[in-house]
N, C-alpha and C. Protein backbone atom coordinates (compact mmCIF):
# COMPACT_ATOMS: atom_id res chain seq x y z
N MET A 1 119.30 -12.19 224.48
CA MET A 1 119.86 -11.61 223.27
C MET A 1 119.73 -10.11 223.31
N SER A 2 120.72 -9.45 222.82
CA SER A 2 120.64 -7.99 222.75
C SER A 2 119.79 -7.60 221.56
N ALA A 3 119.40 -6.35 221.52
CA ALA A 3 118.54 -5.87 220.44
C ALA A 3 119.25 -5.94 219.10
N SER A 4 120.56 -5.80 219.09
CA SER A 4 121.27 -5.80 217.82
C SER A 4 121.46 -7.20 217.25
N THR A 5 121.39 -8.23 218.11
CA THR A 5 121.58 -9.59 217.60
C THR A 5 120.29 -10.37 217.54
N ALA A 6 119.20 -9.79 217.99
CA ALA A 6 117.92 -10.50 217.96
C ALA A 6 117.43 -10.63 216.53
N PRO A 7 116.93 -11.82 216.17
CA PRO A 7 116.40 -11.97 214.81
C PRO A 7 115.10 -11.18 214.68
N GLU A 8 114.92 -10.57 213.54
CA GLU A 8 113.70 -9.82 213.29
C GLU A 8 113.28 -10.02 211.85
N ALA A 9 112.01 -9.81 211.62
CA ALA A 9 111.51 -9.92 210.25
C ALA A 9 112.01 -8.74 209.44
N ASN A 10 112.56 -9.03 208.28
CA ASN A 10 113.08 -7.98 207.41
C ASN A 10 112.67 -8.30 205.99
N ASP A 11 111.81 -7.47 205.43
CA ASP A 11 111.36 -7.70 204.07
C ASP A 11 112.29 -7.07 203.05
N GLY A 12 113.32 -6.44 203.50
CA GLY A 12 114.24 -5.75 202.58
C GLY A 12 115.56 -6.48 202.49
N ALA A 13 116.59 -5.80 202.85
CA ALA A 13 117.93 -6.32 202.70
C ALA A 13 118.24 -7.30 203.82
N ASP A 14 118.84 -8.41 203.47
CA ASP A 14 119.32 -9.38 204.46
C ASP A 14 120.77 -9.06 204.75
N VAL A 15 120.99 -7.98 205.46
CA VAL A 15 122.35 -7.51 205.70
C VAL A 15 123.10 -8.48 206.59
N ASP A 16 122.42 -9.09 207.56
CA ASP A 16 123.08 -9.97 208.50
C ASP A 16 123.19 -11.41 208.03
N SER A 17 122.72 -11.72 206.84
CA SER A 17 122.80 -13.10 206.37
C SER A 17 124.25 -13.44 206.05
N PRO A 18 124.65 -14.68 206.29
CA PRO A 18 126.04 -15.06 206.06
C PRO A 18 126.47 -14.88 204.60
N SER A 19 125.57 -15.09 203.68
CA SER A 19 125.95 -14.97 202.27
C SER A 19 125.89 -13.53 201.79
N GLY A 20 125.29 -12.62 202.57
CA GLY A 20 125.21 -11.22 202.21
C GLY A 20 124.24 -10.96 201.07
N GLU A 21 123.29 -11.87 200.84
CA GLU A 21 122.35 -11.71 199.73
C GLU A 21 121.24 -10.75 200.13
N PHE A 22 120.61 -10.20 199.12
CA PHE A 22 119.47 -9.32 199.31
C PHE A 22 118.25 -9.99 198.71
N ARG A 23 117.12 -9.72 199.30
CA ARG A 23 115.89 -10.29 198.77
C ARG A 23 115.49 -9.56 197.51
N GLY A 24 114.52 -10.10 196.81
CA GLY A 24 114.09 -9.57 195.53
C GLY A 24 113.38 -8.23 195.60
N ARG A 25 113.06 -7.72 194.44
CA ARG A 25 112.45 -6.41 194.27
C ARG A 25 110.99 -6.40 194.72
N ASP A 26 110.31 -7.53 194.64
CA ASP A 26 108.87 -7.57 194.88
C ASP A 26 108.49 -8.13 196.24
N VAL A 27 109.31 -7.87 197.24
CA VAL A 27 108.95 -8.24 198.60
C VAL A 27 107.85 -7.27 199.04
N PRO A 28 106.90 -7.70 199.87
CA PRO A 28 105.76 -6.83 200.20
C PRO A 28 106.15 -5.44 200.71
N ARG A 29 107.13 -5.37 201.60
CA ARG A 29 107.51 -4.06 202.14
C ARG A 29 108.02 -3.14 201.03
N LYS A 30 108.83 -3.65 200.15
CA LYS A 30 109.37 -2.83 199.06
C LYS A 30 108.27 -2.39 198.10
N ARG A 31 107.31 -3.27 197.85
CA ARG A 31 106.20 -2.89 196.96
C ARG A 31 105.38 -1.75 197.54
N VAL A 32 105.11 -1.80 198.83
CA VAL A 32 104.32 -0.75 199.48
C VAL A 32 105.09 0.56 199.47
N VAL A 33 106.36 0.52 199.84
CA VAL A 33 107.16 1.75 199.87
C VAL A 33 107.32 2.31 198.46
N ARG A 34 107.50 1.43 197.47
CA ARG A 34 107.62 1.89 196.09
C ARG A 34 106.32 2.57 195.63
N ALA A 35 105.18 1.99 195.99
CA ALA A 35 103.90 2.58 195.61
C ALA A 35 103.72 3.95 196.26
N VAL A 36 104.10 4.08 197.52
CA VAL A 36 104.00 5.37 198.20
C VAL A 36 104.91 6.39 197.54
N ALA A 37 106.14 6.00 197.22
CA ALA A 37 107.09 6.93 196.59
C ALA A 37 106.58 7.39 195.23
N VAL A 38 106.07 6.47 194.44
CA VAL A 38 105.58 6.82 193.10
C VAL A 38 104.35 7.71 193.20
N GLN A 39 103.43 7.39 194.08
CA GLN A 39 102.23 8.22 194.22
C GLN A 39 102.57 9.62 194.71
N ALA A 40 103.50 9.72 195.63
CA ALA A 40 103.90 11.04 196.13
C ALA A 40 104.57 11.85 195.02
N ALA A 41 105.41 11.20 194.23
CA ALA A 41 106.08 11.91 193.14
C ALA A 41 105.09 12.37 192.08
N VAL A 42 104.15 11.51 191.73
CA VAL A 42 103.16 11.89 190.72
C VAL A 42 102.24 12.99 191.25
N LEU A 43 101.86 12.93 192.51
CA LEU A 43 101.03 13.98 193.09
C LEU A 43 101.77 15.32 193.09
N SER A 44 103.02 15.30 193.48
CA SER A 44 103.82 16.53 193.46
C SER A 44 103.93 17.08 192.04
N ALA A 45 104.20 16.22 191.08
CA ALA A 45 104.30 16.66 189.69
C ALA A 45 102.97 17.23 189.20
N ALA A 46 101.87 16.59 189.54
CA ALA A 46 100.55 17.07 189.10
C ALA A 46 100.24 18.44 189.68
N VAL A 47 100.57 18.65 190.94
CA VAL A 47 100.32 19.96 191.55
C VAL A 47 101.17 21.03 190.88
N HIS A 48 102.43 20.71 190.60
CA HIS A 48 103.29 21.69 189.94
C HIS A 48 102.78 22.01 188.53
N LEU A 49 102.32 21.00 187.82
CA LEU A 49 101.77 21.24 186.49
C LEU A 49 100.47 22.05 186.55
N LEU A 50 99.62 21.75 187.54
CA LEU A 50 98.39 22.51 187.70
C LEU A 50 98.67 23.98 188.01
N TRP A 51 99.69 24.22 188.81
CA TRP A 51 100.04 25.60 189.13
C TRP A 51 100.66 26.30 187.93
N ALA A 52 101.48 25.61 187.18
CA ALA A 52 102.25 26.24 186.11
C ALA A 52 101.44 26.51 184.85
N TRP A 53 100.52 25.65 184.51
CA TRP A 53 99.83 25.73 183.22
C TRP A 53 99.17 27.09 182.96
N PRO A 54 98.37 27.62 183.88
CA PRO A 54 97.74 28.91 183.58
C PRO A 54 98.69 30.11 183.62
N ARG A 55 99.89 29.93 184.12
CA ARG A 55 100.84 31.04 184.26
C ARG A 55 101.95 31.03 183.22
N LEU A 56 101.80 30.26 182.17
CA LEU A 56 102.88 30.12 181.19
C LEU A 56 103.19 31.40 180.42
N GLY A 57 102.30 32.33 180.33
CA GLY A 57 102.53 33.55 179.57
C GLY A 57 103.25 34.64 180.33
N ALA A 58 103.44 34.48 181.62
CA ALA A 58 104.08 35.54 182.43
C ALA A 58 105.57 35.62 182.10
N PRO A 59 106.01 36.72 181.47
CA PRO A 59 107.41 36.79 181.04
C PRO A 59 108.40 37.01 182.19
N SER A 60 107.94 37.56 183.29
CA SER A 60 108.89 37.88 184.37
C SER A 60 109.06 36.74 185.38
N ASP A 61 108.27 35.71 185.29
CA ASP A 61 108.32 34.62 186.26
C ASP A 61 108.81 33.34 185.59
N PRO A 62 109.99 32.85 185.96
CA PRO A 62 110.52 31.63 185.34
C PRO A 62 109.92 30.34 185.91
N ARG A 63 109.21 30.43 187.03
CA ARG A 63 108.73 29.22 187.69
C ARG A 63 107.83 28.33 186.84
N PRO A 64 106.89 28.86 186.05
CA PRO A 64 106.04 27.94 185.29
C PRO A 64 106.84 27.01 184.36
N TYR A 65 107.85 27.52 183.74
CA TYR A 65 108.66 26.70 182.83
C TYR A 65 109.51 25.69 183.60
N VAL A 66 110.04 26.13 184.71
CA VAL A 66 110.81 25.21 185.57
C VAL A 66 109.90 24.13 186.13
N PHE A 67 108.69 24.50 186.51
CA PHE A 67 107.74 23.52 187.05
C PHE A 67 107.31 22.51 185.99
N LEU A 68 107.14 22.96 184.76
CA LEU A 68 106.79 22.02 183.69
C LEU A 68 107.91 21.00 183.47
N LEU A 69 109.14 21.48 183.39
CA LEU A 69 110.27 20.57 183.22
C LEU A 69 110.46 19.67 184.45
N GLY A 70 110.36 20.26 185.63
CA GLY A 70 110.51 19.49 186.86
C GLY A 70 109.41 18.45 187.02
N GLY A 71 108.19 18.83 186.66
CA GLY A 71 107.08 17.87 186.75
C GLY A 71 107.25 16.71 185.79
N ALA A 72 107.67 17.01 184.56
CA ALA A 72 107.91 15.94 183.58
C ALA A 72 109.03 15.03 184.05
N PHE A 73 110.08 15.60 184.60
CA PHE A 73 111.21 14.79 185.09
C PHE A 73 110.78 13.94 186.28
N THR A 74 109.95 14.51 187.15
CA THR A 74 109.47 13.75 188.31
C THR A 74 108.61 12.57 187.87
N VAL A 75 107.78 12.76 186.87
CA VAL A 75 106.98 11.65 186.34
C VAL A 75 107.88 10.59 185.72
N ALA A 76 108.93 11.01 185.03
CA ALA A 76 109.88 10.05 184.43
C ALA A 76 110.57 9.22 185.52
N VAL A 77 110.94 9.85 186.62
CA VAL A 77 111.56 9.12 187.74
C VAL A 77 110.55 8.15 188.35
N ALA A 78 109.30 8.57 188.46
CA ALA A 78 108.27 7.69 189.02
C ALA A 78 108.04 6.47 188.13
N VAL A 79 107.99 6.68 186.83
CA VAL A 79 107.81 5.55 185.90
C VAL A 79 109.02 4.62 185.98
N ALA A 80 110.20 5.17 186.03
CA ALA A 80 111.41 4.34 186.14
C ALA A 80 111.41 3.57 187.45
N THR A 81 110.91 4.17 188.51
CA THR A 81 110.84 3.49 189.80
C THR A 81 109.91 2.28 189.72
N LEU A 82 108.85 2.40 188.96
CA LEU A 82 107.92 1.28 188.80
C LEU A 82 108.49 0.17 187.92
N ARG A 83 109.17 0.55 186.85
CA ARG A 83 109.55 -0.42 185.82
C ARG A 83 110.97 -0.96 185.92
N ALA A 84 111.89 -0.19 186.43
CA ALA A 84 113.30 -0.58 186.43
C ALA A 84 113.61 -1.49 187.61
N PRO A 85 114.72 -2.23 187.52
CA PRO A 85 115.17 -2.96 188.71
C PRO A 85 115.50 -1.97 189.82
N GLU A 86 115.74 -2.49 191.01
CA GLU A 86 115.98 -1.60 192.14
C GLU A 86 117.41 -1.06 192.12
N TYR A 87 117.52 0.17 191.68
CA TYR A 87 118.81 0.85 191.63
C TYR A 87 118.84 1.94 192.68
N ARG A 88 119.83 1.92 193.53
CA ARG A 88 119.95 2.95 194.56
C ARG A 88 120.08 4.34 193.96
N ARG A 89 120.76 4.44 192.83
CA ARG A 89 120.94 5.76 192.21
C ARG A 89 119.60 6.35 191.77
N LEU A 90 118.71 5.52 191.30
CA LEU A 90 117.39 5.99 190.90
C LEU A 90 116.62 6.50 192.11
N TYR A 91 116.70 5.79 193.22
CA TYR A 91 115.99 6.20 194.42
C TYR A 91 116.60 7.49 194.99
N ALA A 92 117.90 7.63 194.92
CA ALA A 92 118.55 8.87 195.36
C ALA A 92 118.12 10.03 194.46
N LEU A 93 117.98 9.76 193.17
CA LEU A 93 117.52 10.79 192.24
C LEU A 93 116.09 11.22 192.57
N GLY A 94 115.23 10.26 192.86
CA GLY A 94 113.85 10.59 193.22
C GLY A 94 113.78 11.43 194.48
N ALA A 95 114.55 11.05 195.50
CA ALA A 95 114.57 11.83 196.73
C ALA A 95 115.15 13.22 196.47
N GLY A 96 116.16 13.30 195.63
CA GLY A 96 116.79 14.58 195.33
C GLY A 96 115.88 15.53 194.57
N VAL A 97 115.13 15.01 193.62
CA VAL A 97 114.21 15.86 192.85
C VAL A 97 113.13 16.43 193.76
N LEU A 98 112.55 15.60 194.60
CA LEU A 98 111.51 16.08 195.50
C LEU A 98 112.08 17.03 196.55
N ALA A 99 113.28 16.76 197.03
CA ALA A 99 113.92 17.67 197.98
C ALA A 99 114.25 19.00 197.31
N ALA A 100 114.59 18.97 196.02
CA ALA A 100 114.86 20.22 195.30
C ALA A 100 113.60 21.08 195.22
N PHE A 101 112.44 20.46 195.03
CA PHE A 101 111.19 21.22 195.05
C PHE A 101 110.97 21.87 196.42
N LEU A 102 111.24 21.11 197.49
CA LEU A 102 111.07 21.63 198.84
C LEU A 102 112.01 22.81 199.10
N LEU A 103 113.27 22.60 198.80
CA LEU A 103 114.26 23.65 199.04
C LEU A 103 114.05 24.85 198.12
N GLY A 104 113.59 24.59 196.91
CA GLY A 104 113.30 25.69 195.99
C GLY A 104 112.17 26.57 196.51
N TYR A 105 111.19 25.96 197.13
CA TYR A 105 110.08 26.73 197.69
C TYR A 105 110.59 27.65 198.79
N VAL A 106 111.39 27.11 199.67
CA VAL A 106 111.94 27.91 200.77
C VAL A 106 112.88 28.98 200.20
N GLY A 107 113.67 28.63 199.21
CA GLY A 107 114.57 29.60 198.60
C GLY A 107 113.83 30.73 197.90
N TRP A 108 112.73 30.42 197.26
CA TRP A 108 111.98 31.44 196.52
C TRP A 108 111.27 32.40 197.48
N HIS A 109 110.66 31.84 198.52
CA HIS A 109 109.87 32.66 199.43
C HIS A 109 110.67 33.20 200.61
N GLY A 110 111.81 32.62 200.91
CA GLY A 110 112.66 33.10 201.99
C GLY A 110 112.00 32.98 203.35
N ALA A 111 112.09 34.06 204.11
CA ALA A 111 111.56 34.07 205.47
C ALA A 111 110.04 34.00 205.49
N ALA A 112 109.40 34.34 204.39
CA ALA A 112 107.93 34.33 204.33
C ALA A 112 107.39 32.98 203.84
N ALA A 113 108.22 31.94 203.83
CA ALA A 113 107.79 30.65 203.30
C ALA A 113 106.61 30.06 204.08
N ALA A 114 106.64 30.20 205.40
CA ALA A 114 105.55 29.63 206.21
C ALA A 114 104.23 30.33 205.93
N SER A 115 104.24 31.65 205.83
CA SER A 115 103.00 32.37 205.55
C SER A 115 102.53 32.14 204.11
N ALA A 116 103.47 32.00 203.18
CA ALA A 116 103.10 31.70 201.80
C ALA A 116 102.49 30.31 201.71
N LEU A 117 103.04 29.37 202.46
CA LEU A 117 102.51 28.01 202.47
C LEU A 117 101.10 27.98 203.07
N ALA A 118 100.90 28.74 204.13
CA ALA A 118 99.59 28.75 204.79
C ALA A 118 98.49 29.32 203.89
N GLY A 119 98.86 30.20 202.96
CA GLY A 119 97.85 30.81 202.11
C GLY A 119 97.64 30.12 200.77
N ASP A 120 98.31 29.01 200.53
CA ASP A 120 98.21 28.34 199.22
C ASP A 120 97.92 26.85 199.39
N PRO A 121 96.68 26.43 199.18
CA PRO A 121 96.34 25.01 199.36
C PRO A 121 97.11 24.07 198.43
N LEU A 122 97.39 24.50 197.20
CA LEU A 122 98.18 23.66 196.29
C LEU A 122 99.58 23.44 196.84
N ALA A 123 100.15 24.47 197.42
CA ALA A 123 101.49 24.34 197.99
C ALA A 123 101.49 23.39 199.18
N ILE A 124 100.44 23.42 199.98
CA ILE A 124 100.36 22.50 201.12
C ILE A 124 100.34 21.06 200.63
N VAL A 125 99.55 20.79 199.61
CA VAL A 125 99.47 19.43 199.06
C VAL A 125 100.83 19.03 198.47
N ALA A 126 101.44 19.92 197.71
CA ALA A 126 102.72 19.61 197.07
C ALA A 126 103.80 19.36 198.09
N LYS A 127 103.91 20.22 199.09
CA LYS A 127 104.98 20.07 200.08
C LYS A 127 104.76 18.83 200.94
N GLY A 128 103.50 18.52 201.24
CA GLY A 128 103.22 17.28 201.98
C GLY A 128 103.61 16.05 201.17
N ALA A 129 103.25 16.05 199.89
CA ALA A 129 103.60 14.93 199.02
C ALA A 129 105.11 14.82 198.88
N GLU A 130 105.79 15.94 198.79
CA GLU A 130 107.25 15.91 198.65
C GLU A 130 107.93 15.38 199.90
N LEU A 131 107.44 15.75 201.07
CA LEU A 131 108.01 15.21 202.31
C LEU A 131 107.83 13.69 202.39
N VAL A 132 106.63 13.24 202.08
CA VAL A 132 106.35 11.79 202.08
C VAL A 132 107.20 11.10 201.02
N GLY A 133 107.31 11.71 199.85
CA GLY A 133 108.09 11.12 198.77
C GLY A 133 109.57 11.02 199.09
N VAL A 134 110.13 12.05 199.69
CA VAL A 134 111.55 12.01 200.08
C VAL A 134 111.77 10.87 201.07
N ALA A 135 110.89 10.76 202.06
CA ALA A 135 111.02 9.69 203.05
C ALA A 135 110.90 8.31 202.39
N ALA A 136 109.97 8.16 201.46
CA ALA A 136 109.77 6.86 200.80
C ALA A 136 110.95 6.51 199.89
N PHE A 137 111.45 7.48 199.14
CA PHE A 137 112.60 7.19 198.28
C PHE A 137 113.84 6.87 199.11
N LEU A 138 114.02 7.54 200.24
CA LEU A 138 115.15 7.21 201.10
C LEU A 138 114.99 5.82 201.72
N ALA A 139 113.76 5.43 202.05
CA ALA A 139 113.52 4.08 202.55
C ALA A 139 113.83 3.04 201.46
N LEU A 140 113.43 3.33 200.23
CA LEU A 140 113.76 2.42 199.13
C LEU A 140 115.27 2.31 198.94
N TYR A 141 115.95 3.43 199.08
CA TYR A 141 117.41 3.43 198.97
C TYR A 141 118.03 2.51 200.02
N ARG A 142 117.52 2.59 201.25
CA ARG A 142 118.07 1.75 202.32
C ARG A 142 117.74 0.27 202.12
N LEU A 143 116.59 -0.03 201.52
CA LEU A 143 116.17 -1.42 201.32
C LEU A 143 116.80 -2.05 200.08
N ALA A 144 117.28 -1.24 199.17
CA ALA A 144 117.81 -1.77 197.91
C ALA A 144 119.23 -2.27 198.08
N PRO A 145 119.58 -3.31 197.32
CA PRO A 145 120.96 -3.78 197.37
C PRO A 145 121.87 -2.83 196.59
N PRO A 146 123.17 -2.94 196.80
CA PRO A 146 124.09 -2.13 195.99
C PRO A 146 123.92 -2.45 194.51
N THR A 147 124.29 -1.51 193.67
CA THR A 147 124.11 -1.67 192.23
C THR A 147 124.82 -2.91 191.71
N SER A 148 125.97 -3.24 192.28
CA SER A 148 126.70 -4.42 191.81
C SER A 148 125.89 -5.70 192.00
N VAL A 149 125.10 -5.78 193.06
CA VAL A 149 124.26 -6.96 193.30
C VAL A 149 123.16 -7.04 192.25
N VAL A 150 122.56 -5.90 191.92
CA VAL A 150 121.49 -5.87 190.92
C VAL A 150 122.05 -6.27 189.55
N LEU A 151 123.20 -5.74 189.20
CA LEU A 151 123.81 -6.09 187.91
C LEU A 151 124.20 -7.56 187.87
N ASP A 152 124.66 -8.10 188.99
CA ASP A 152 125.00 -9.52 189.05
C ASP A 152 123.75 -10.38 188.87
N ARG A 153 122.63 -9.94 189.43
CA ARG A 153 121.37 -10.67 189.25
C ARG A 153 120.95 -10.70 187.78
N ARG A 154 121.18 -9.60 187.10
CA ARG A 154 120.80 -9.55 185.68
C ARG A 154 121.69 -10.45 184.84
N GLU A 155 122.97 -10.54 185.19
CA GLU A 155 123.90 -11.37 184.43
C GLU A 155 123.78 -12.84 184.78
N ASN A 156 123.48 -13.16 186.03
CA ASN A 156 123.38 -14.54 186.50
C ASN A 156 122.01 -14.78 187.12
N PRO A 157 120.97 -14.90 186.31
CA PRO A 157 119.62 -15.08 186.86
C PRO A 157 119.49 -16.43 187.55
N THR A 158 118.58 -16.46 188.52
CA THR A 158 118.31 -17.69 189.26
C THR A 158 116.84 -18.02 189.14
N ASP A 159 116.44 -19.12 189.75
CA ASP A 159 115.05 -19.56 189.66
C ASP A 159 114.16 -18.91 190.69
N ASP A 160 114.67 -17.98 191.53
CA ASP A 160 113.86 -17.39 192.58
C ASP A 160 113.09 -16.16 192.13
N GLY A 161 113.06 -15.87 190.84
CA GLY A 161 112.24 -14.79 190.31
C GLY A 161 112.93 -13.44 190.31
N ASP A 162 114.23 -13.38 190.61
CA ASP A 162 114.92 -12.10 190.64
C ASP A 162 115.36 -11.63 189.27
N GLY A 163 115.36 -12.49 188.29
CA GLY A 163 115.83 -12.09 186.97
C GLY A 163 115.13 -12.88 185.90
N PRO A 164 115.49 -12.66 184.64
CA PRO A 164 114.86 -13.41 183.57
C PRO A 164 115.21 -14.89 183.67
N ALA A 165 114.29 -15.72 183.24
CA ALA A 165 114.51 -17.16 183.31
C ALA A 165 115.58 -17.59 182.33
N GLU A 166 116.32 -18.63 182.72
CA GLU A 166 117.37 -19.15 181.85
C GLU A 166 116.75 -19.90 180.68
N SER A 167 117.39 -19.81 179.55
CA SER A 167 116.91 -20.56 178.39
C SER A 167 117.46 -21.98 178.46
N ASP A 168 116.85 -22.88 177.72
CA ASP A 168 117.31 -24.27 177.68
C ASP A 168 118.68 -24.37 177.06
N ASP A 169 119.00 -23.49 176.08
CA ASP A 169 120.31 -23.53 175.42
C ASP A 169 121.42 -23.24 176.43
N ALA A 170 121.21 -22.27 177.32
CA ALA A 170 122.24 -21.93 178.29
C ALA A 170 122.46 -23.07 179.26
N THR A 171 121.39 -23.77 179.65
CA THR A 171 121.51 -24.92 180.54
C THR A 171 122.26 -26.05 179.86
N GLU A 172 121.94 -26.30 178.60
CA GLU A 172 122.62 -27.38 177.88
C GLU A 172 124.10 -27.08 177.71
N GLU A 173 124.45 -25.83 177.44
CA GLU A 173 125.87 -25.48 177.30
C GLU A 173 126.61 -25.72 178.59
N ARG A 174 126.00 -25.43 179.75
CA ARG A 174 126.66 -25.65 181.02
C ARG A 174 126.85 -27.15 181.28
N VAL A 175 125.86 -27.96 180.90
CA VAL A 175 125.92 -29.40 181.13
C VAL A 175 127.00 -30.01 180.23
N ASP A 176 127.10 -29.52 178.99
CA ASP A 176 128.06 -30.08 178.06
C ASP A 176 129.50 -29.75 178.43
N SER A 177 129.72 -28.62 179.06
CA SER A 177 131.11 -28.23 179.33
C SER A 177 131.63 -28.75 180.62
């Protein structure tokens, strides 16, 4: 068998399955990657808030206010990642927010970004968490089914734990018709 046709363990999307179905949200691999993404996002937000809080009075520097808003938004994305069904758009948003922090750092410091990073331990922690978070959110994006599959699961729940359980009334209506 060639490498492309060899069966392999896949805890995420069953792309090669004949029915084209995707596995549920709580497969072990997805849970681990989701936990890494959420922890990286929260760590990045915490570092930005720690940096911004004592500098809020500086009138010439807009970064503390941007960091407060960005940190709050990053925490909101992390909470949604934990609680919401697996939406690719949410994972793309998480990767985009963390990538915006990375690119913003380079944009603010320009050519001196490497030396600025070397002299700031908080920045090292934040940029490391953002790199890990971008990778984890992109992995979640690749493992998640298309949005149409998730919406179909919500509308047509099954007994495999992917959606809310059917009520007895809905079962009786199907039997009667």
